[in-house]
Amino acid sequence: MKPCDKNIERTLQLVQEMIDLADRGDAEREDVGCGILYGVLRDSAYKLKKLAEDEITNHKRKGWWVKEAHENRKMRHP
């Protein structure tokens, strides 16, 4: 796998961590300020996810993306 593809994979892993933290933080929050923080974190994660997935599509079009790299992604959220 090319280094640029590994970086996209890592970005998607970080996105999942961001989503998980936002979900956990939102469930455990005690005030509105934390709700805003975790909402922004979640929104940012989904924006990054979209950008990374678009970049995967671009890499596939260029013939750079290794199929098994894409199959190993484990995103739990749509």
PDB file of N, CA and C in Angstrom:
ATOM      1  N   MET A   1       0.849  -1.178   0.000  1.00  0.00           N
ATOM      2  CA  MET A   1       0.000   0.000   0.000  1.00  0.00           C
ATOM      3  C   MET A   1       0.894   1.239   0.000  1.00  0.00           C
ATOM      4  N   LYS A   2       0.498   2.216  -0.792  1.00  0.00           N
ATOM      5  CA  LYS A   2       1.263   3.464  -0.875  1.00  0.00           C
ATOM      6  C   LYS A   2       1.131   4.252   0.433  1.00  0.00           C
ATOM      7  N   PRO A   3       2.167   5.012   0.791  1.00  0.00           N
ATOM      8  CA  PRO A   3       2.089   5.824   2.009  1.00  0.00           C
ATOM      9  C   PRO A   3       0.879   6.761   2.026  1.00  0.00           C
ATOM     10  N   CYS A   4       0.525   7.335   0.877  1.00  0.00           N
ATOM     11  CA  CYS A   4      -0.624   8.247   0.851  1.00  0.00           C
ATOM     12  C   CYS A   4      -1.923   7.497   1.180  1.00  0.00           C
ATOM     13  N   ASP A   5      -2.020   6.243   0.755  1.00  0.00           N
ATOM     14  CA  ASP A   5      -3.201   5.446   1.078  1.00  0.00           C
ATOM     15  C   ASP A   5      -3.222   5.062   2.556  1.00  0.00           C
ATOM     16  N   LYS A   6      -2.048   4.769   3.104  1.00  0.00           N
ATOM     17  CA  LYS A   6      -1.964   4.466   4.538  1.00  0.00           C
ATOM     18  C   LYS A   6      -2.428   5.669   5.357  1.00  0.00           C
ATOM     19  N   ASN A   7      -2.066   6.857   4.901  1.00  0.00           N
ATOM     20  CA  ASN A   7      -2.477   8.069   5.618  1.00  0.00           C
ATOM     21  C   ASN A   7      -3.992   8.260   5.569  1.00  0.00           C
ATOM     22  N   ILE A   8      -4.595   7.920   4.456  1.00  0.00           N
ATOM     23  CA  ILE A   8      -6.066   8.005   4.362  1.00  0.00           C
ATOM     24  C   ILE A   8      -6.690   6.988   5.306  1.00  0.00           C
ATOM     25  N   GLU A   9      -6.139   5.768   5.319  1.00  0.00           N
ATOM     26  CA  GLU A   9      -6.632   4.742   6.244  1.00  0.00           C
ATOM     27  C   GLU A   9      -6.541   5.232   7.688  1.00  0.00           C
ATOM     28  N   ARG A  10      -5.419   5.820   8.046  1.00  0.00           N
ATOM     29  CA  ARG A  10      -5.233   6.321   9.411  1.00  0.00           C
ATOM     30  C   ARG A  10      -6.211   7.451   9.711  1.00  0.00           C
ATOM     31  N   THR A  11      -6.465   8.291   8.731  1.00  0.00           N
ATOM     32  CA  THR A  11      -7.450   9.360   8.900  1.00  0.00           C
ATOM     33  C   THR A  11      -8.814   8.773   9.226  1.00  0.00           C
ATOM     34  N   LEU A  12      -9.187   7.714   8.519  1.00  0.00           N
ATOM     35  CA  LEU A  12     -10.479   7.086   8.775  1.00  0.00           C
ATOM     36  C   LEU A  12     -10.518   6.428  10.154  1.00  0.00           C
ATOM     37  N   GLN A  13      -9.396   5.913  10.618  1.00  0.00           N
ATOM     38  CA  GLN A  13      -9.347   5.368  11.980  1.00  0.00           C
ATOM     39  C   GLN A  13      -9.551   6.486  13.006  1.00  0.00           C
ATOM     40  N   LEU A  14      -8.883   7.611  12.779  1.00  0.00           N
ATOM     41  CA  LEU A  14      -9.046   8.754  13.681  1.00  0.00           C
ATOM     42  C   LEU A  14     -10.476   9.275  13.664  1.00  0.00           C
ATOM     43  N   VAL A  15     -11.090   9.283  12.493  1.00  0.00           N
ATOM     44  CA  VAL A  15     -12.490   9.695  12.372  1.00  0.00           C
ATOM     45  C   VAL A  15     -13.365   8.819  13.266  1.00  0.00           C
ATOM     46  N   GLN A  16     -13.133   7.506  13.220  1.00  0.00           N
ATOM     47  CA  GLN A  16     -13.940   6.611  14.055  1.00  0.00           C
ATOM     48  C   GLN A  16     -13.719   6.891  15.536  1.00  0.00           C
ATOM     49  N   GLU A  17     -12.478   7.163  15.907  1.00  0.00           N
ATOM     50  CA  GLU A  17     -12.198   7.515  17.297  1.00  0.00           C
ATOM     51  C   GLU A  17     -12.922   8.800  17.686  1.00  0.00           C
ATOM     52  N   MET A  18     -12.940   9.771  16.784  1.00  0.00           N
ATOM     53  CA  MET A  18     -13.640  11.029  17.046  1.00  0.00           C
ATOM     54  C   MET A  18     -15.138  10.790  17.244  1.00  0.00           C
ATOM     55  N   ILE A  19     -15.723   9.976  16.395  1.00  0.00           N
ATOM     56  CA  ILE A  19     -17.154   9.671  16.504  1.00  0.00           C
ATOM     57  C   ILE A  19     -17.445   8.954  17.823  1.00  0.00           C
ATOM     58  N   ASP A  20     -16.616   7.975  18.158  1.00  0.00           N
ATOM     59  CA  ASP A  20     -16.809   7.237  19.416  1.00  0.00           C
ATOM     60  C   ASP A  20     -16.709   8.162  20.619  1.00  0.00           C
ATOM     61  N   LEU A  21     -15.713   9.050  20.606  1.00  0.00           N
ATOM     62  CA  LEU A  21     -15.547   9.989  21.720  1.00  0.00           C
ATOM     63  C   LEU A  21     -16.728  10.952  21.802  1.00  0.00           C
ATOM     64  N   ALA A  22     -17.186  11.438  20.664  1.00  0.00           N
ATOM     65  CA  ALA A  22     -18.336  12.351  20.658  1.00  0.00           C
ATOM     66  C   ALA A  22     -19.578  11.655  21.215  1.00  0.00           C
ATOM     67  N   ASP A  23     -19.788  10.411  20.834  1.00  0.00           N
ATOM     68  CA  ASP A  23     -20.944   9.659  21.348  1.00  0.00           C
ATOM     69  C   ASP A  23     -20.846   9.456  22.856  1.00  0.00           C
ATOM     70  N   ARG A  24     -19.665   9.035  23.298  1.00  0.00           N
ATOM     71  CA  ARG A  24     -19.462   8.799  24.730  1.00  0.00           C
ATOM     72  C   ARG A  24     -19.558  10.114  25.515  1.00  0.00           C
ATOM     73  N   GLY A  25     -18.897  11.142  25.015  1.00  0.00           N
ATOM     74  CA  GLY A  25     -18.920  12.431  25.696  1.00  0.00           C
ATOM     75  C   GLY A  25     -20.313  13.013  25.778  1.00  0.00           C
ATOM     76  N   ASP A  26     -21.072  12.876  24.707  1.00  0.00           N
ATOM     77  CA  ASP A  26     -22.436  13.389  24.696  1.00  0.00           C
ATOM     78  C   ASP A  26     -23.305  12.638  25.701  1.00  0.00           C
ATOM     79  N   ALA A  27     -23.107  11.341  25.801  1.00  0.00           N
ATOM     80  CA  ALA A  27     -23.899  10.535  26.741  1.00  0.00           C
ATOM     81  C   ALA A  27     -23.562  10.859  28.196  1.00  0.00           C
ATOM     82  N   GLU A  28     -22.333  11.260  28.448  1.00  0.00           N
ATOM     83  CA  GLU A  28     -21.876  11.502  29.824  1.00  0.00           C
ATOM     84  C   GLU A  28     -21.809  12.976  30.203  1.00  0.00           C
ATOM     85  N   ARG A  29     -22.191  13.854  29.301  1.00  0.00           N
ATOM     86  CA  ARG A  29     -22.039  15.281  29.569  1.00  0.00           C
ATOM     87  C   ARG A  29     -22.992  15.747  30.659  1.00  0.00           C
ATOM     88  N   GLU A  30     -22.604  16.857  31.286  1.00  0.00           N
ATOM     89  CA  GLU A  30     -23.400  17.411  32.367  1.00  0.00           C
ATOM     90  C   GLU A  30     -23.828  18.844  32.114  1.00  0.00           C
ATOM     91  N   ASP A  31     -23.414  19.420  30.972  1.00  0.00           N
ATOM     92  CA  ASP A  31     -23.856  20.779  30.669  1.00  0.00           C
ATOM     93  C   ASP A  31     -23.911  20.997  29.160  1.00  0.00           C
ATOM     94  N   VAL A  32     -24.495  22.117  28.794  1.00  0.00           N
ATOM     95  CA  VAL A  32     -24.712  22.450  27.391  1.00  0.00           C
ATOM     96  C   VAL A  32     -23.396  22.671  26.645  1.00  0.00           C
ATOM     97  N   GLY A  33     -22.423  23.276  27.305  1.00  0.00           N
ATOM     98  CA  GLY A  33     -21.139  23.548  26.660  1.00  0.00           C
ATOM     99  C   GLY A  33     -20.476  22.282  26.148  1.00  0.00           C
ATOM    100  N   CYS A  34     -20.538  21.224  26.954  1.00  0.00           N
ATOM    101  CA  CYS A  34     -19.969  19.944  26.514  1.00  0.00           C
ATOM    102  C   CYS A  34     -20.763  19.393  25.331  1.00  0.00           C
ATOM    103  N   GLY A  35     -22.077  19.600  25.342  1.00  0.00           N
ATOM    104  CA  GLY A  35     -22.896  19.144  24.222  1.00  0.00           C
ATOM    105  C   GLY A  35     -22.472  19.816  22.921  1.00  0.00           C
ATOM    106  N   ILE A  36     -22.174  21.095  23.002  1.00  0.00           N
ATOM    107  CA  ILE A  36     -21.712  21.829  21.820  1.00  0.00           C
ATOM    108  C   ILE A  36     -20.359  21.271  21.371  1.00  0.00           C
ATOM    109  N   LEU A  37     -19.456  21.076  22.322  1.00  0.00           N
ATOM    110  CA  LEU A  37     -18.139  20.532  22.007  1.00  0.00           C
ATOM    111  C   LEU A  37     -18.248  19.195  21.276  1.00  0.00           C
ATOM    112  N   TYR A  38     -19.044  18.276  21.805  1.00  0.00           N
ATOM    113  CA  TYR A  38     -19.140  16.953  21.199  1.00  0.00           C
ATOM    114  C   TYR A  38     -19.919  16.972  19.890  1.00  0.00           C
ATOM    115  N   GLY A  39     -20.831  17.918  19.758  1.00  0.00           N
ATOM    116  CA  GLY A  39     -21.520  18.082  18.478  1.00  0.00           C
ATOM    117  C   GLY A  39     -20.568  18.553  17.386  1.00  0.00           C
ATOM    118  N   VAL A  40     -19.704  19.505  17.732  1.00  0.00           N
ATOM    119  CA  VAL A  40     -18.708  19.994  16.771  1.00  0.00           C
ATOM    120  C   VAL A  40     -17.722  18.878  16.426  1.00  0.00           C
ATOM    121  N   LEU A  41     -17.320  18.109  17.430  1.00  0.00           N
ATOM    122  CA  LEU A  41     -16.409  16.982  17.187  1.00  0.00           C
ATOM    123  C   LEU A  41     -17.038  15.973  16.226  1.00  0.00           C
ATOM    124  N   ARG A  42     -18.291  15.628  16.444  1.00  0.00           N
ATOM    125  CA  ARG A  42     -18.999  14.680  15.580  1.00  0.00           C
ATOM    126  C   ARG A  42     -19.137  15.230  14.159  1.00  0.00           C
ATOM    127  N   ASP A  43     -19.561  16.483  14.043  1.00  0.00           N
ATOM    128  CA  ASP A  43     -19.703  17.099  12.719  1.00  0.00           C
ATOM    129  C   ASP A  43     -18.366  17.119  11.973  1.00  0.00           C
ATOM    130  N   SER A  44     -17.315  17.457  12.684  1.00  0.00           N
ATOM    131  CA  SER A  44     -15.986  17.495  12.062  1.00  0.00           C
ATOM    132  C   SER A  44     -15.569  16.106  11.595  1.00  0.00           C
ATOM    133  N   ALA A  45     -15.863  15.113  12.399  1.00  0.00           N
ATOM    134  CA  ALA A  45     -15.513  13.738  12.028  1.00  0.00           C
ATOM    135  C   ALA A  45     -16.202  13.333  10.735  1.00  0.00           C
ATOM    136  N   TYR A  46     -17.486  13.629  10.617  1.00  0.00           N
ATOM    137  CA  TYR A  46     -18.209  13.248   9.405  1.00  0.00           C
ATOM    138  C   TYR A  46     -17.732  14.032   8.180  1.00  0.00           C
ATOM    139  N   LYS A  47     -17.322  15.271   8.380  1.00  0.00           N
ATOM    140  CA  LYS A  47     -16.758  16.040   7.259  1.00  0.00           C
ATOM    141  C   LYS A  47     -15.428  15.430   6.806  1.00  0.00           C
ATOM    142  N   LEU A  48     -14.590  15.078   7.767  1.00  0.00           N
ATOM    143  CA  LEU A  48     -13.319  14.431   7.432  1.00  0.00           C
ATOM    144  C   LEU A  48     -13.537  13.079   6.761  1.00  0.00           C
ATOM    145  N   LYS A  49     -14.526  12.349   7.247  1.00  0.00           N
ATOM    146  CA  LYS A  49     -14.841  11.041   6.647  1.00  0.00           C
ATOM    147  C   LYS A  49     -15.205  11.202   5.176  1.00  0.00           C
ATOM    148  N   LYS A  50     -16.039  12.180   4.887  1.00  0.00           N
ATOM    149  CA  LYS A  50     -16.454  12.433   3.498  1.00  0.00           C
ATOM    150  C   LYS A  50     -15.249  12.790   2.636  1.00  0.00           C
ATOM    151  N   LEU A  51     -14.391  13.668   3.133  1.00  0.00           N
ATOM    152  CA  LEU A  51     -13.192  14.055   2.381  1.00  0.00           C
ATOM    153  C   LEU A  51     -12.293  12.843   2.117  1.00  0.00           C
ATOM    154  N   ALA A  52     -12.092  12.018   3.129  1.00  0.00           N
ATOM    155  CA  ALA A  52     -11.229  10.843   2.976  1.00  0.00           C
ATOM    156  C   ALA A  52     -11.833   9.859   1.980  1.00  0.00           C
ATOM    157  N   GLU A  53     -13.135   9.645   2.063  1.00  0.00           N
ATOM    158  CA  GLU A  53     -13.779   8.720   1.129  1.00  0.00           C
ATOM    159  C   GLU A  53     -13.748   9.250  -0.299  1.00  0.00           C
ATOM    160  N   ASP A  54     -13.883  10.557  -0.457  1.00  0.00           N
ATOM    161  CA  ASP A  54     -13.750  11.153  -1.789  1.00  0.00           C
ATOM    162  C   ASP A  54     -12.335  10.959  -2.327  1.00  0.00           C
ATOM    163  N   GLU A  55     -11.357  11.072  -1.446  1.00  0.00           N
ATOM    164  CA  GLU A  55      -9.971  10.885  -1.868  1.00  0.00           C
ATOM    165  C   GLU A  55      -9.702   9.431  -2.247  1.00  0.00           C
ATOM    166  N   ILE A  56     -10.328   8.501  -1.546  1.00  0.00           N
ATOM    167  CA  ILE A  56     -10.220   7.087  -1.921  1.00  0.00           C
ATOM    168  C   ILE A  56     -10.766   6.890  -3.330  1.00  0.00           C
ATOM    169  N   THR A  57     -11.906   7.502  -3.616  1.00  0.00           N
ATOM    170  CA  THR A  57     -12.488   7.412  -4.955  1.00  0.00           C
ATOM    171  C   THR A  57     -11.522   7.964  -6.001  1.00  0.00           C
ATOM    172  N   ASN A  58     -10.900   9.099  -5.703  1.00  0.00           N
ATOM    173  CA  ASN A  58      -9.915   9.681  -6.626  1.00  0.00           C
ATOM    174  C   ASN A  58      -8.732   8.746  -6.843  1.00  0.00           C
ATOM    175  N   HIS A  59      -8.260   8.132  -5.779  1.00  0.00           N
ATOM    176  CA  HIS A  59      -7.123   7.218  -5.893  1.00  0.00           C
ATOM    177  C   HIS A  59      -7.506   5.980  -6.702  1.00  0.00           C
ATOM    178  N   LYS A  60      -8.729   5.514  -6.537  1.00  0.00           N
ATOM    179  CA  LYS A  60      -9.191   4.370  -7.323  1.00  0.00           C
ATOM    180  C   LYS A  60      -9.224   4.721  -8.810  1.00  0.00           C
ATOM    181  N   ARG A  61      -9.707   5.894  -9.127  1.00  0.00           N
ATOM    182  CA  ARG A  61      -9.754   6.334 -10.526  1.00  0.00           C
ATOM    183  C   ARG A  61      -8.358   6.392 -11.147  1.00  0.00           C
ATOM    184  N   LYS A  62      -7.375   6.756 -10.327  1.00  0.00           N
ATOM    185  CA  LYS A  62      -5.997   6.850 -10.798  1.00  0.00           C
ATOM    186  C   LYS A  62      -5.297   5.487 -10.802  1.00  0.00           C
ATOM    187  N   GLY A  63      -5.970   4.477 -10.235  1.00  0.00           N
ATOM    188  CA  GLY A  63      -5.372   3.152 -10.153  1.00  0.00           C
ATOM    189  C   GLY A  63      -4.377   2.999  -9.025  1.00  0.00           C
ATOM    190  N   TRP A  64      -4.415   3.913  -8.053  1.00  0.00           N
ATOM    191  CA  TRP A  64      -3.474   3.881  -6.939  1.00  0.00           C
ATOM    192  C   TRP A  64      -3.958   3.042  -5.777  1.00  0.00           C
ATOM    193  N   TRP A  65      -5.253   2.978  -5.598  1.00  0.00           N
ATOM    194  CA  TRP A  65      -5.809   2.368  -4.394  1.00  0.00           C
ATOM    195  C   TRP A  65      -5.717   0.852  -4.467  1.00  0.00           C
ATOM    196  N   VAL A  66      -5.177   0.242  -3.435  1.00  0.00           N
ATOM    197  CA  VAL A  66      -5.081  -1.204  -3.352  1.00  0.00           C
ATOM    198  C   VAL A  66      -6.382  -1.726  -2.765  1.00  0.00           C
ATOM    199  N   LYS A  67      -7.015  -2.641  -3.482  1.00  0.00           N
ATOM    200  CA  LYS A  67      -8.344  -3.116  -3.095  1.00  0.00           C
ATOM    201  C   LYS A  67      -8.393  -3.620  -1.659  1.00  0.00           C
ATOM    202  N   GLU A  68      -7.438  -4.440  -1.239  1.00  0.00           N
ATOM    203  CA  GLU A  68      -7.504  -5.005   0.108  1.00  0.00           C
ATOM    204  C   GLU A  68      -7.396  -3.940   1.191  1.00  0.00           C
ATOM    205  N   ALA A  69      -6.770  -2.816   0.898  1.00  0.00           N
ATOM    206  CA  ALA A  69      -6.699  -1.731   1.881  1.00  0.00           C
ATOM    207  C   ALA A  69      -8.097  -1.223   2.182  1.00  0.00           C
ATOM    208  N   HIS A  70      -8.890  -1.032   1.138  1.00  0.00           N
ATOM    209  CA  HIS A  70     -10.251  -0.536   1.312  1.00  0.00           C
ATOM    210  C   HIS A  70     -11.120  -1.552   2.048  1.00  0.00           C
ATOM    211  N   GLU A  71     -10.923  -2.824   1.776  1.00  0.00           N
ATOM    212  CA  GLU A  71     -11.736  -3.858   2.407  1.00  0.00           C
ATOM    213  C   GLU A  71     -11.447  -4.001   3.888  1.00  0.00           C
ATOM    214  N   ASN A  72     -10.278  -3.568   4.339  1.00  0.00           N
ATOM    215  CA  ASN A  72      -9.920  -3.696   5.741  1.00  0.00           C
ATOM    216  C   ASN A  72     -10.491  -2.591   6.616  1.00  0.00           C
ATOM    217  N   ARG A  73     -11.100  -1.570   6.008  1.00  0.00           N
ATOM    218  CA  ARG A  73     -11.676  -0.479   6.795  1.00  0.00           C
ATOM    219  C   ARG A  73     -12.848  -0.984   7.599  1.00  0.00           C
ATOM    220  N   LYS A  74     -12.944  -0.548   8.829  1.00  0.00           N
ATOM    221  CA  LYS A  74     -14.046  -0.980   9.702  1.00  0.00           C
ATOM    222  C   LYS A  74     -14.729   0.248  10.283  1.00  0.00           C
ATOM    223  N   MET A  75     -15.562   0.866   9.500  1.00  0.00           N
ATOM    224  CA  MET A  75     -16.318   2.020   9.972  1.00  0.00           C
ATOM    225  C   MET A  75     -17.669   1.516  10.463  1.00  0.00           C
ATOM    226  N   ARG A  76     -18.004   1.825  11.693  1.00  0.00           N
ATOM    227  CA  ARG A  76     -19.253   1.332  12.265  1.00  0.00           C
ATOM    228  C   ARG A  76     -20.430   2.259  11.990  1.00  0.00           C
ATOM    229  N   HIS A  77     -20.152   3.489  11.658  1.00  0.00           N
ATOM    230  CA  HIS A  77     -21.229   4.439  11.395  1.00  0.00           C
ATOM    231  C   HIS A  77     -21.366   4.637   9.892  1.00  0.00           C
ATOM    232  N   PRO A  78     -22.601   4.877   9.422  1.00  0.00           N
ATOM    233  CA  PRO A  78     -22.792   5.103   7.978  1.00  0.00           C
ATOM    234  C   PRO A  78     -22.157   6.381   7.484  1.00  0.00           C
TER     235      PRO A  78
END
